[in-house]
Amino acid sequence: MSPSMRLFRAVCLSAVLSTVPGCAALSTGQVGEPDYAAVAESNLRLGDESLERKDFLQAEKYYEHVRTKFPYLEVANEAELRLADLDFAQERYAEAREKFQTFIKLHPTHPKVDYAAYRTARTHFEDAPSEFFLVPPGAEKDQTEVQAAFSSLSAFIRQFPNSQYVAPAKEALDTTRLRLARHELYVASFYARRERWNAVVQRLETLLKNYPGTPLDERALFDLHAAYVRLTNAAEAQRTLQRVIEMLPGTPAAERARRMLGS
């Protein structure tokens, strides 16, 4: 599409939005400066109300007013967090991450530093490629943000084991672990189709070492056994079957491994 045509469409869309009740407010927020309250906490509350109704521009103005006009009050620190949350709500994850990280550096002993750390990790999780409606599937996509989410969520749980955000962090961590395991399995299958068995072993061993405890463990172990068989490494093939018994005790997979071992 030519630049002139893009400009024409943008002008037309702007005209349409301005004639539909509510559309202009949703897209840009209210025009002009808010009627600021005299009390800092009231402005923070008004910002929260604006954020709740997705009036992002007004929310930002209220929070910035609190941060700049009341810099020595505790509520200014709250405003800093709200500004980061504001970016997060708009899916501006890199900007939100920078604000949360700055908050941690400036206020390392703040009671809400765990919240800032959790939300920092969460920005990577939310910024990862979606698992839905993707061509190719998620396992084939770049895993940089997924890996960053895994690392930052793991670090958060280690650093703040008693935080109220540990439970959702663990849930997100389990999701990232499964996604990374699925990616390793996908790459291993790619190499298996090309009979590059050493590469298969490397990827499956990485999966089992770095991302254990997922539903993919069973398949990874038996695929690893098959790869060692192809490499005529009988000792490692048998050891892998023993790992099935140890890692998946009392399961049909463990019984299958015993039969294959002849025990």
C-alpha atoms as a PDB file:
ATOM      1  CA  MET A   1       0.000   0.000   0.000  1.00  0.00           C
ATOM      2  CA  SER A   2       1.360   3.435  -0.934  1.00  0.00           C
ATOM      3  CA  PRO A   3       2.131   6.029   1.774  1.00  0.00           C
ATOM      4  CA  SER A   4      -0.605   8.312   0.455  1.00  0.00           C
ATOM      5  CA  MET A   5      -3.169   5.524   0.687  1.00  0.00           C
ATOM      6  CA  ARG A   6      -2.095   4.690   4.267  1.00  0.00           C
ATOM      7  CA  LEU A   7      -2.477   8.347   5.214  1.00  0.00           C
ATOM      8  CA  PHE A   8      -5.916   8.475   3.590  1.00  0.00           C
ATOM      9  CA  ARG A   9      -7.076   5.405   5.535  1.00  0.00           C
ATOM     10  CA  ALA A  10      -5.709   6.814   8.804  1.00  0.00           C
ATOM     11  CA  VAL A  11      -7.548  10.100   8.285  1.00  0.00           C
ATOM     12  CA  CYS A  12     -10.761   8.271   7.466  1.00  0.00           C
ATOM     13  CA  LEU A  13     -10.450   6.028  10.542  1.00  0.00           C
ATOM     14  CA  SER A  14      -9.827   9.052  12.762  1.00  0.00           C
ATOM     15  CA  ALA A  15     -12.916  10.751  11.376  1.00  0.00           C
ATOM     16  CA  VAL A  16     -15.043   7.678  11.979  1.00  0.00           C
ATOM     17  CA  LEU A  17     -13.815   7.273  15.570  1.00  0.00           C
ATOM     18  CA  SER A  18     -14.533  10.896  16.336  1.00  0.00           C
ATOM     19  CA  THR A  19     -18.177  10.471  15.283  1.00  0.00           C
ATOM     20  CA  VAL A  20     -18.817   7.266  17.248  1.00  0.00           C
ATOM     21  CA  PRO A  21     -19.640   7.888  20.928  1.00  0.00           C
ATOM     22  CA  GLY A  22     -16.934   6.527  23.221  1.00  0.00           C
ATOM     23  CA  CYS A  23     -14.467   5.585  20.498  1.00  0.00           C
ATOM     24  CA  ALA A  24     -12.301   8.677  20.772  1.00  0.00           C
ATOM     25  CA  ALA A  25     -12.150   8.373  24.556  1.00  0.00           C
ATOM     26  CA  LEU A  26     -11.133   4.729  24.364  1.00  0.00           C
ATOM     27  CA  SER A  27      -8.423   5.341  21.797  1.00  0.00           C
ATOM     28  CA  THR A  28      -6.784   8.496  23.200  1.00  0.00           C
ATOM     29  CA  GLY A  29      -8.294   9.230  26.598  1.00  0.00           C
ATOM     30  CA  GLN A  30      -9.920  12.478  27.633  1.00  0.00           C
ATOM     31  CA  VAL A  31      -8.487  15.652  26.148  1.00  0.00           C
ATOM     32  CA  GLY A  32      -6.776  18.195  28.398  1.00  0.00           C
ATOM     33  CA  GLU A  33      -5.460  18.140  31.927  1.00  0.00           C
ATOM     34  CA  PRO A  34      -7.451  16.391  34.651  1.00  0.00           C
ATOM     35  CA  ASP A  35      -8.941  18.271  37.553  1.00  0.00           C
ATOM     36  CA  TYR A  36      -6.242  17.252  40.013  1.00  0.00           C
ATOM     37  CA  ALA A  37      -7.106  16.783  43.668  1.00  0.00           C
ATOM     38  CA  ALA A  38      -5.206  18.563  46.420  1.00  0.00           C
ATOM     39  CA  VAL A  39      -4.402  15.289  48.203  1.00  0.00           C
ATOM     40  CA  ALA A  40      -1.831  12.922  46.646  1.00  0.00           C
ATOM     41  CA  GLU A  41      -3.746   9.772  47.578  1.00  0.00           C
ATOM     42  CA  SER A  42      -6.859  11.081  45.860  1.00  0.00           C
ATOM     43  CA  ASN A  43      -4.952  11.583  42.625  1.00  0.00           C
ATOM     44  CA  LEU A  44      -3.613   8.050  42.867  1.00  0.00           C
ATOM     45  CA  ARG A  45      -7.159   6.753  43.304  1.00  0.00           C
ATOM     46  CA  LEU A  46      -8.361   8.779  40.329  1.00  0.00           C
ATOM     47  CA  GLY A  47      -5.528   7.312  38.288  1.00  0.00           C
ATOM     48  CA  ASP A  48      -6.577   3.821  39.334  1.00  0.00           C
ATOM     49  CA  GLU A  49     -10.141   4.542  38.265  1.00  0.00           C
ATOM     50  CA  SER A  50      -8.910   5.802  34.891  1.00  0.00           C
ATOM     51  CA  LEU A  51      -6.783   2.701  34.440  1.00  0.00           C
ATOM     52  CA  GLU A  52      -9.741   0.480  35.344  1.00  0.00           C
ATOM     53  CA  ARG A  53     -11.814   1.995  32.531  1.00  0.00           C
ATOM     54  CA  LYS A  54      -8.796   1.818  30.190  1.00  0.00           C
ATOM     55  CA  ASP A  55      -8.417   5.572  29.946  1.00  0.00           C
ATOM     56  CA  PHE A  56      -4.660   5.189  29.809  1.00  0.00           C
ATOM     57  CA  LEU A  57      -3.809   8.799  29.008  1.00  0.00           C
ATOM     58  CA  GLN A  58      -5.702  10.163  32.002  1.00  0.00           C
ATOM     59  CA  ALA A  59      -4.262   7.475  34.276  1.00  0.00           C
ATOM     60  CA  GLU A  60      -0.745   8.405  33.209  1.00  0.00           C
ATOM     61  CA  LYS A  61      -1.391  12.077  33.944  1.00  0.00           C
ATOM     62  CA  TYR A  62      -2.668  11.353  37.447  1.00  0.00           C
ATOM     63  CA  TYR A  63       0.250   9.041  38.250  1.00  0.00           C
ATOM     64  CA  GLU A  64       2.844  11.440  36.857  1.00  0.00           C
ATOM     65  CA  HIS A  65       1.271  14.259  38.865  1.00  0.00           C
ATOM     66  CA  VAL A  66       1.653  12.252  42.058  1.00  0.00           C
ATOM     67  CA  ARG A  67       5.211  11.222  41.227  1.00  0.00           C
ATOM     68  CA  THR A  68       6.431  14.722  40.395  1.00  0.00           C
ATOM     69  CA  LYS A  69       4.376  16.881  42.764  1.00  0.00           C
ATOM     70  CA  PHE A  70       4.719  14.710  45.872  1.00  0.00           C
ATOM     71  CA  PRO A  71       8.204  13.190  45.449  1.00  0.00           C
ATOM     72  CA  TYR A  72       8.923  12.809  49.167  1.00  0.00           C
ATOM     73  CA  LEU A  73       5.747  10.966  50.058  1.00  0.00           C
ATOM     74  CA  GLU A  74       5.417   7.187  50.008  1.00  0.00           C
ATOM     75  CA  VAL A  75       2.545   7.571  47.569  1.00  0.00           C
ATOM     76  CA  ALA A  76       5.080   8.726  44.939  1.00  0.00           C
ATOM     77  CA  ASN A  77       6.643   5.257  45.065  1.00  0.00           C
ATOM     78  CA  GLU A  78       3.199   3.781  44.522  1.00  0.00           C
ATOM     79  CA  ALA A  79       2.796   6.040  41.513  1.00  0.00           C
ATOM     80  CA  GLU A  80       6.053   4.682  40.052  1.00  0.00           C
ATOM     81  CA  LEU A  81       4.673   1.161  40.276  1.00  0.00           C
ATOM     82  CA  ARG A  82       1.367   2.258  38.764  1.00  0.00           C
ATOM     83  CA  LEU A  83       3.178   3.789  35.788  1.00  0.00           C
ATOM     84  CA  ALA A  84       4.875   0.445  35.195  1.00  0.00           C
ATOM     85  CA  ASP A  85       1.522  -1.306  35.536  1.00  0.00           C
ATOM     86  CA  LEU A  86       0.111   1.166  33.026  1.00  0.00           C
ATOM     87  CA  ASP A  87       2.669   0.099  30.411  1.00  0.00           C
ATOM     88  CA  PHE A  88       1.961  -3.542  31.253  1.00  0.00           C
ATOM     89  CA  ALA A  89      -1.775  -3.028  30.729  1.00  0.00           C
ATOM     90  CA  GLN A  90      -1.050  -1.607  27.273  1.00  0.00           C
ATOM     91  CA  GLU A  91       1.186  -4.606  26.432  1.00  0.00           C
ATOM     92  CA  ARG A  92       4.229  -2.352  26.324  1.00  0.00           C
ATOM     93  CA  TYR A  93       6.241  -5.019  28.068  1.00  0.00           C
ATOM     94  CA  ALA A  94       9.758  -3.721  27.427  1.00  0.00           C
ATOM     95  CA  GLU A  95       8.817  -0.295  28.823  1.00  0.00           C
ATOM     96  CA  ALA A  96       7.067  -1.873  31.818  1.00  0.00           C
ATOM     97  CA  ARG A  97      10.092  -4.073  32.495  1.00  0.00           C
ATOM     98  CA  GLU A  98      12.423  -1.083  32.516  1.00  0.00           C
ATOM     99  CA  LYS A  99      10.199   0.779  34.982  1.00  0.00           C
ATOM    100  CA  PHE A 100       9.884  -2.205  37.324  1.00  0.00           C
ATOM    101  CA  GLN A 101      13.629  -2.781  37.230  1.00  0.00           C
ATOM    102  CA  THR A 102      14.290   0.899  37.943  1.00  0.00           C
ATOM    103  CA  PHE A 103      11.932   0.710  40.918  1.00  0.00           C
ATOM    104  CA  ILE A 104      13.876  -2.259  42.299  1.00  0.00           C
ATOM    105  CA  LYS A 105      17.181  -0.419  41.936  1.00  0.00           C
ATOM    106  CA  LEU A 106      15.890   2.751  43.586  1.00  0.00           C
ATOM    107  CA  HIS A 107      13.886   1.044  46.346  1.00  0.00           C
ATOM    108  CA  PRO A 108      15.569  -2.315  47.124  1.00  0.00           C
ATOM    109  CA  THR A 109      14.013  -2.515  50.605  1.00  0.00           C
ATOM    110  CA  HIS A 110      10.524  -1.368  49.652  1.00  0.00           C
ATOM    111  CA  PRO A 111       7.707  -3.661  50.883  1.00  0.00           C
ATOM    112  CA  LYS A 112       6.515  -4.095  47.291  1.00  0.00           C
ATOM    113  CA  VAL A 113       9.882  -4.909  45.760  1.00  0.00           C
ATOM    114  CA  ASP A 114       8.696  -8.525  45.380  1.00  0.00           C
ATOM    115  CA  TYR A 115       5.752  -7.287  43.334  1.00  0.00           C
ATOM    116  CA  ALA A 116       8.101  -5.339  41.061  1.00  0.00           C
ATOM    117  CA  ALA A 117      10.325  -8.413  40.668  1.00  0.00           C
ATOM    118  CA  TYR A 118       7.359 -10.644  39.905  1.00  0.00           C
ATOM    119  CA  ARG A 119       5.962  -8.234  37.333  1.00  0.00           C
ATOM    120  CA  THR A 120       9.418  -7.906  35.765  1.00  0.00           C
ATOM    121  CA  ALA A 121       9.492 -11.656  35.223  1.00  0.00           C
ATOM    122  CA  ARG A 122       5.900 -11.594  34.041  1.00  0.00           C
ATOM    123  CA  THR A 123       6.749  -9.141  31.245  1.00  0.00           C
ATOM    124  CA  HIS A 124       8.912 -11.810  29.624  1.00  0.00           C
ATOM    125  CA  PHE A 125       6.156 -14.402  30.050  1.00  0.00           C
ATOM    126  CA  GLU A 126       3.529 -12.170  28.450  1.00  0.00           C
ATOM    127  CA  ASP A 127       5.887 -11.068  25.669  1.00  0.00           C
ATOM    128  CA  ALA A 128       6.622 -14.648  24.563  1.00  0.00           C
ATOM    129  CA  PRO A 129       5.046 -15.853  21.295  1.00  0.00           C
ATOM    130  CA  SER A 130       1.515 -17.082  21.797  1.00  0.00           C
ATOM    131  CA  GLU A 131       0.823 -20.804  21.647  1.00  0.00           C
ATOM    132  CA  PHE A 132      -2.449 -20.210  19.820  1.00  0.00           C
ATOM    133  CA  PHE A 133      -3.197 -19.518  16.173  1.00  0.00           C
ATOM    134  CA  LEU A 134       0.443 -19.672  15.172  1.00  0.00           C
ATOM    135  CA  VAL A 135       1.852 -20.906  11.908  1.00  0.00           C
ATOM    136  CA  PRO A 136       4.328 -22.430  12.568  1.00  0.00           C
ATOM    137  CA  PRO A 137       3.424 -23.782  16.027  1.00  0.00           C
ATOM    138  CA  GLY A 138       4.893 -22.258  19.174  1.00  0.00           C
ATOM    139  CA  ALA A 139       7.585 -24.931  19.542  1.00  0.00           C
ATOM    140  CA  GLU A 140       9.057 -23.812  16.233  1.00  0.00           C
ATOM    141  CA  LYS A 141       9.183 -20.129  17.115  1.00  0.00           C
ATOM    142  CA  ASP A 142      12.071 -18.203  18.641  1.00  0.00           C
ATOM    143  CA  GLN A 143      12.275 -19.073  22.330  1.00  0.00           C
ATOM    144  CA  THR A 144      14.266 -16.072  23.563  1.00  0.00           C
ATOM    145  CA  GLU A 145      11.448 -14.544  25.604  1.00  0.00           C
ATOM    146  CA  VAL A 146      10.304 -17.951  26.842  1.00  0.00           C
ATOM    147  CA  GLN A 147      13.825 -18.657  28.096  1.00  0.00           C
ATOM    148  CA  ALA A 148      13.999 -15.204  29.675  1.00  0.00           C
ATOM    149  CA  ALA A 149      10.679 -15.871  31.414  1.00  0.00           C
ATOM    150  CA  PHE A 150      11.950 -19.216  32.696  1.00  0.00           C
ATOM    151  CA  SER A 151      15.143 -17.670  34.075  1.00  0.00           C
ATOM    152  CA  SER A 152      13.494 -14.625  35.646  1.00  0.00           C
ATOM    153  CA  LEU A 153      10.594 -16.577  37.174  1.00  0.00           C
ATOM    154  CA  SER A 154      13.040 -19.103  38.639  1.00  0.00           C
ATOM    155  CA  ALA A 155      15.146 -16.278  40.084  1.00  0.00           C
ATOM    156  CA  PHE A 156      12.066 -14.606  41.558  1.00  0.00           C
ATOM    157  CA  ILE A 157      10.954 -17.795  43.327  1.00  0.00           C
ATOM    158  CA  ARG A 158      14.450 -18.316  44.764  1.00  0.00           C
ATOM    159  CA  GLN A 159      14.751 -14.710  45.926  1.00  0.00           C
ATOM    160  CA  PHE A 160      11.241 -14.293  47.349  1.00  0.00           C
ATOM    161  CA  PRO A 161      10.131 -17.773  48.512  1.00  0.00           C
ATOM    162  CA  ASN A 162       7.541 -16.315  50.908  1.00  0.00           C
ATOM    163  CA  SER A 163       6.019 -13.799  48.521  1.00  0.00           C
ATOM    164  CA  GLN A 164       2.284 -13.873  47.868  1.00  0.00           C
ATOM    165  CA  TYR A 165       3.178 -13.965  44.169  1.00  0.00           C
ATOM    166  CA  VAL A 166       5.062 -17.271  44.349  1.00  0.00           C
ATOM    167  CA  ALA A 167       1.973 -19.340  43.480  1.00  0.00           C
ATOM    168  CA  PRO A 168       1.207 -17.542  40.189  1.00  0.00           C
ATOM    169  CA  ALA A 169       4.934 -17.405  39.461  1.00  0.00           C
ATOM    170  CA  LYS A 170       5.182 -21.199  39.824  1.00  0.00           C
ATOM    171  CA  GLU A 171       2.190 -21.647  37.538  1.00  0.00           C
ATOM    172  CA  ALA A 172       3.798 -19.456  34.895  1.00  0.00           C
ATOM    173  CA  LEU A 173       7.121 -21.260  35.408  1.00  0.00           C
ATOM    174  CA  ASP A 174       5.479 -24.638  34.780  1.00  0.00           C
ATOM    175  CA  THR A 175       4.064 -23.266  31.538  1.00  0.00           C
ATOM    176  CA  THR A 176       7.441 -21.968  30.369  1.00  0.00           C
ATOM    177  CA  ARG A 177       9.155 -25.226  31.372  1.00  0.00           C
ATOM    178  CA  LEU A 178       6.707 -27.213  29.235  1.00  0.00           C
ATOM    179  CA  ARG A 179       7.121 -24.860  26.295  1.00  0.00           C
ATOM    180  CA  LEU A 180      10.902 -25.086  26.419  1.00  0.00           C
ATOM    181  CA  ALA A 181      10.753 -28.874  26.792  1.00  0.00           C
ATOM    182  CA  ARG A 182       8.429 -29.033  23.802  1.00  0.00           C
ATOM    183  CA  HIS A 183      10.893 -26.976  21.786  1.00  0.00           C
ATOM    184  CA  GLU A 184      13.784 -29.302  22.672  1.00  0.00           C
ATOM    185  CA  LEU A 185      11.661 -32.287  21.682  1.00  0.00           C
ATOM    186  CA  TYR A 186      10.771 -30.623  18.391  1.00  0.00           C
ATOM    187  CA  VAL A 187      14.461 -29.988  17.594  1.00  0.00           C
ATOM    188  CA  ALA A 188      15.365 -33.556  18.599  1.00  0.00           C
ATOM    189  CA  SER A 189      12.677 -34.894  16.249  1.00  0.00           C
ATOM    190  CA  PHE A 190      14.060 -32.687  13.482  1.00  0.00           C
ATOM    191  CA  TYR A 191      17.500 -34.265  13.921  1.00  0.00           C
ATOM    192  CA  ALA A 192      16.047 -37.772  14.221  1.00  0.00           C
ATOM    193  CA  ARG A 193      14.400 -37.456  10.804  1.00  0.00           C
ATOM    194  CA  ARG A 194      17.865 -36.736   9.444  1.00  0.00           C
ATOM    195  CA  GLU A 195      19.434 -39.564  11.485  1.00  0.00           C
ATOM    196  CA  ARG A 196      21.760 -37.194  13.325  1.00  0.00           C
ATOM    197  CA  TRP A 197      21.673 -39.275  16.489  1.00  0.00           C
ATOM    198  CA  ASN A 198      24.363 -37.466  18.466  1.00  0.00           C
ATOM    199  CA  ALA A 199      22.414 -34.243  18.046  1.00  0.00           C
ATOM    200  CA  VAL A 200      19.242 -36.071  19.118  1.00  0.00           C
ATOM    201  CA  VAL A 201      20.977 -37.240  22.286  1.00  0.00           C
ATOM    202  CA  GLN A 202      22.240 -33.736  23.041  1.00  0.00           C
ATOM    203  CA  ARG A 203      18.800 -32.112  22.745  1.00  0.00           C
ATOM    204  CA  LEU A 204      17.007 -34.804  24.732  1.00  0.00           C
ATOM    205  CA  GLU A 205      19.597 -34.761  27.491  1.00  0.00           C
ATOM    206  CA  THR A 206      19.188 -30.965  27.651  1.00  0.00           C
ATOM    207  CA  LEU A 207      15.432 -31.386  27.960  1.00  0.00           C
ATOM    208  CA  LEU A 208      15.721 -33.882  30.811  1.00  0.00           C
ATOM    209  CA  LYS A 209      18.388 -31.899  32.640  1.00  0.00           C
ATOM    210  CA  ASN A 210      16.994 -28.381  32.348  1.00  0.00           C
ATOM    211  CA  TYR A 211      13.228 -28.923  32.076  1.00  0.00           C
ATOM    212  CA  PRO A 212      12.347 -32.074  34.033  1.00  0.00           C
ATOM    213  CA  GLY A 213       8.969 -32.918  35.473  1.00  0.00           C
ATOM    214  CA  THR A 214       6.819 -32.237  32.403  1.00  0.00           C
ATOM    215  CA  PRO A 215       4.466 -34.686  30.668  1.00  0.00           C
ATOM    216  CA  LEU A 216       7.134 -34.990  27.961  1.00  0.00           C
ATOM    217  CA  ASP A 217       9.599 -36.873  30.197  1.00  0.00           C
ATOM    218  CA  GLU A 218       8.348 -40.284  29.143  1.00  0.00           C
ATOM    219  CA  ARG A 219       8.612 -39.631  25.418  1.00  0.00           C
ATOM    220  CA  ALA A 220      11.991 -37.940  25.828  1.00  0.00           C
ATOM    221  CA  LEU A 221      13.418 -40.912  27.721  1.00  0.00           C
ATOM    222  CA  PHE A 222      12.231 -43.525  25.249  1.00  0.00           C
ATOM    223  CA  ASP A 223      13.360 -41.396  22.301  1.00  0.00           C
ATOM    224  CA  LEU A 224      16.733 -41.070  24.033  1.00  0.00           C
ATOM    225  CA  HIS A 225      16.909 -44.831  24.444  1.00  0.00           C
ATOM    226  CA  ALA A 226      16.155 -45.264  20.728  1.00  0.00           C
ATOM    227  CA  ALA A 227      18.895 -42.785  19.832  1.00  0.00           C
ATOM    228  CA  TYR A 228      21.472 -44.661  21.917  1.00  0.00           C
ATOM    229  CA  VAL A 229      20.402 -47.898  20.236  1.00  0.00           C
ATOM    230  CA  ARG A 230      20.987 -46.267  16.847  1.00  0.00           C
ATOM    231  CA  LEU A 231      24.430 -45.232  18.065  1.00  0.00           C
ATOM    232  CA  THR A 232      25.038 -48.847  19.173  1.00  0.00           C
ATOM    233  CA  ASN A 233      25.714 -47.591  22.691  1.00  0.00           C
ATOM    234  CA  ALA A 234      24.159 -50.459  24.619  1.00  0.00           C
ATOM    235  CA  ALA A 235      25.374 -49.273  28.025  1.00  0.00           C
ATOM    236  CA  GLU A 236      23.733 -45.842  27.741  1.00  0.00           C
ATOM    237  CA  ALA A 237      20.609 -47.388  26.221  1.00  0.00           C
ATOM    238  CA  GLN A 238      20.233 -49.626  29.275  1.00  0.00           C
ATOM    239  CA  ARG A 239      21.008 -46.750  31.627  1.00  0.00           C
ATOM    240  CA  THR A 240      18.268 -44.714  29.988  1.00  0.00           C
ATOM    241  CA  LEU A 241      15.722 -47.478  30.616  1.00  0.00           C
ATOM    242  CA  GLN A 242      16.833 -47.517  34.241  1.00  0.00           C
ATOM    243  CA  ARG A 243      16.243 -43.764  34.349  1.00  0.00           C
ATOM    244  CA  VAL A 244      12.665 -44.369  33.204  1.00  0.00           C
ATOM    245  CA  ILE A 245      12.130 -46.675  36.184  1.00  0.00           C
ATOM    246  CA  GLU A 246      13.675 -44.166  38.595  1.00  0.00           C
ATOM    247  CA  MET A 247      12.003 -41.046  37.232  1.00  0.00           C
ATOM    248  CA  LEU A 248       8.551 -42.536  36.588  1.00  0.00           C
ATOM    249  CA  PRO A 249       8.077 -45.132  39.337  1.00  0.00           C
ATOM    250  CA  GLY A 250       4.838 -47.086  39.417  1.00  0.00           C
ATOM    251  CA  THR A 251       3.802 -46.032  35.928  1.00  0.00           C
ATOM    252  CA  PRO A 252       3.130 -48.061  32.775  1.00  0.00           C
ATOM    253  CA  ALA A 253       6.273 -46.446  31.370  1.00  0.00           C
ATOM    254  CA  ALA A 254       8.356 -47.925  34.174  1.00  0.00           C
ATOM    255  CA  GLU A 255       6.820 -51.360  33.571  1.00  0.00           C
ATOM    256  CA  ARG A 256       7.577 -51.054  29.872  1.00  0.00           C
ATOM    257  CA  ALA A 257      11.211 -50.181  30.672  1.00  0.00           C
ATOM    258  CA  ARG A 258      11.492 -53.259  32.941  1.00  0.00           C
ATOM    259  CA  ARG A 259      10.221 -55.500  30.168  1.00  0.00           C
ATOM    260  CA  MET A 260      12.716 -53.989  27.737  1.00  0.00           C
ATOM    261  CA  LEU A 261      15.484 -54.642  30.261  1.00  0.00           C
ATOM    262  CA  GLY A 262      14.282 -58.215  30.605  1.00  0.00           C
ATOM    263  CA  SER A 263      13.679 -57.889  34.338  1.00  0.00           C
END
